[in-house]
C-alpha atoms as a PDB file:
ATOM      1  CA  MET A   1      98.094 123.711 111.811  1.00  0.00           C
ATOM      2  CA  VAL A   2     101.981 123.754 109.934  1.00  0.00           C
ATOM      3  CA  TYR A   3     103.073 124.695 113.697  1.00  0.00           C
ATOM      4  CA  THR A   4     100.837 121.700 115.490  1.00  0.00           C
ATOM      5  CA  LEU A   5     102.424 119.303 112.840  1.00  0.00           C
ATOM      6  CA  LEU A   6     106.252 120.636 113.480  1.00  0.00           C
ATOM      7  CA  LYS A   7     105.508 120.392 117.210  1.00  0.00           C
ATOM      8  CA  PHE A   8     104.675 116.371 116.846  1.00  0.00           C
ATOM      9  CA  ILE A   9     107.249 115.860 114.697  1.00  0.00           C
ATOM     10  CA  LEU A  10     109.448 117.680 116.741  1.00  0.00           C
ATOM     11  CA  TYR A  11     108.245 115.712 120.072  1.00  0.00           C
ATOM     12  CA  MET A  12     108.549 112.375 118.207  1.00  0.00           C
ATOM     13  CA  ILE A  13     112.229 113.009 116.878  1.00  0.00           C
ATOM     14  CA  SER A  14     113.038 113.998 120.407  1.00  0.00           C
ATOM     15  CA  LEU A  15     111.730 111.163 121.965  1.00  0.00           C
ATOM     16  CA  VAL A  16     113.683 108.753 120.001  1.00  0.00           C
ATOM     17  CA  CYS A  17     116.603 110.796 120.896  1.00  0.00           C
ATOM     18  CA  VAL A  18     116.104 110.567 124.258  1.00  0.00           C
ATOM     19  CA  ILE A  19     115.609 107.202 124.533  1.00  0.00           C
ATOM     20  CA  TYR A  20     118.889 106.627 122.129  1.00  0.00           C
ATOM     21  CA  GLY A  21     120.318 108.424 124.840  1.00  0.00           C
ATOM     22  CA  LEU A  22     119.496 106.634 127.461  1.00  0.00           C
ATOM     23  CA  SER A  23     120.102 103.406 126.274  1.00  0.00           C
ATOM     24  CA  CYS A  24     123.932 104.055 126.899  1.00  0.00           C
ATOM     25  CA  ILE A  25     123.773 104.435 130.695  1.00  0.00           C
ATOM     26  CA  PRO A  26     123.409 100.647 132.593  1.00  0.00           C
ATOM     27  CA  PHE A  27     120.514 100.893 134.198  1.00  0.00           C
ATOM     28  CA  GLU A  28     120.527  97.143 135.088  1.00  0.00           C
ATOM     29  CA  LYS A  29     123.681  97.225 137.350  1.00  0.00           C
ATOM     30  CA  MET A  30     121.525 100.494 139.673  1.00  0.00           C
ATOM     31  CA  ILE A  31     118.202  98.621 140.161  1.00  0.00           C
ATOM     32  CA  LYS A  32     117.213  97.165 142.986  1.00  0.00           C
ATOM     33  CA  LYS A  33     116.076  93.309 143.030  1.00  0.00           C
ATOM     34  CA  ASN A  34     112.343  93.141 143.098  1.00  0.00           C
ATOM     35  CA  HIS A  35     112.186  96.731 142.003  1.00  0.00           C
ATOM     36  CA  VAL A  36     111.789  96.989 138.574  1.00  0.00           C
ATOM     37  CA  ARG A  37     108.441  97.867 138.195  1.00  0.00           C
ATOM     38  CA  GLN A  38     109.156 101.151 139.989  1.00  0.00           C
ATOM     39  CA  PHE A  39     112.035 101.463 138.085  1.00  0.00           C
ATOM     40  CA  TYR A  40     109.962 101.306 134.906  1.00  0.00           C
ATOM     41  CA  VAL A  41     107.693 103.706 136.342  1.00  0.00           C
ATOM     42  CA  LEU A  42     110.832 106.314 136.765  1.00  0.00           C
ATOM     43  CA  TYR A  43     112.277 105.726 133.209  1.00  0.00           C
ATOM     44  CA  ILE A  44     109.043 106.926 131.811  1.00  0.00           C
ATOM     45  CA  ILE A  45     108.501 110.149 134.004  1.00  0.00           C
ATOM     46  CA  VAL A  46     112.335 110.524 132.993  1.00  0.00           C
ATOM     47  CA  VAL A  47     112.201 110.233 129.307  1.00  0.00           C
ATOM     48  CA  LEU A  48     108.846 112.120 129.295  1.00  0.00           C
ATOM     49  CA  SER A  49     110.539 114.868 130.999  1.00  0.00           C
ATOM     50  CA  LEU A  50     113.505 114.944 128.982  1.00  0.00           C
ATOM     51  CA  THR A  51     111.761 114.921 125.429  1.00  0.00           C
ATOM     52  CA  TYR A  52     109.557 118.041 127.025  1.00  0.00           C
ATOM     53  CA  LEU A  53     112.152 119.812 127.471  1.00  0.00           C
ATOM     54  CA  VAL A  54     114.446 118.782 124.124  1.00  0.00           C
ATOM     55  CA  ALA A  55     111.318 119.332 121.918  1.00  0.00           C
ATOM     56  CA  HIS A  56     110.349 122.874 123.664  1.00  0.00           C
ATOM     57  CA  PHE A  57     114.223 123.681 123.744  1.00  0.00           C
ATOM     58  CA  PHE A  58     114.356 123.600 119.730  1.00  0.00           C
ATOM     59  CA  LEU A  59     110.993 125.013 119.501  1.00  0.00           C
ATOM     60  CA  ASP A  60     112.071 128.037 121.645  1.00  0.00           C
ATOM     61  CA  PHE A  61     115.152 128.182 119.262  1.00  0.00           C
ATOM     62  CA  MET A  62     113.712 128.357 115.891  1.00  0.00           C
ATOM     63  CA  THR A  63     111.371 131.074 116.986  1.00  0.00           C
ATOM     64  CA  ILE A  64     114.402 133.595 118.384  1.00  0.00           C
ATOM     65  CA  ARG A  65     114.123 136.231 115.996  1.00  0.00           C
ATOM     66  CA  PHE A  66     117.842 138.252 115.911  1.00  0.00           C
ATOM     67  CA  GLY A  67     116.944 141.730 115.270  1.00  0.00           C
END
């Protein structure tokens, strides 16, 4: 139960951090005209993928046992 709650909190923190980190990239200059919908699909996929990777990195890092 505690581990599940920790995972959920870590996923939410990772989601906020990933969105904040990607907000510094000027995507408006890269989007082709009339392709905004495709960009948002790609953006959501990238955000969810990075969130998963960041959260799992920290979960694995916290469960490392030395010695």
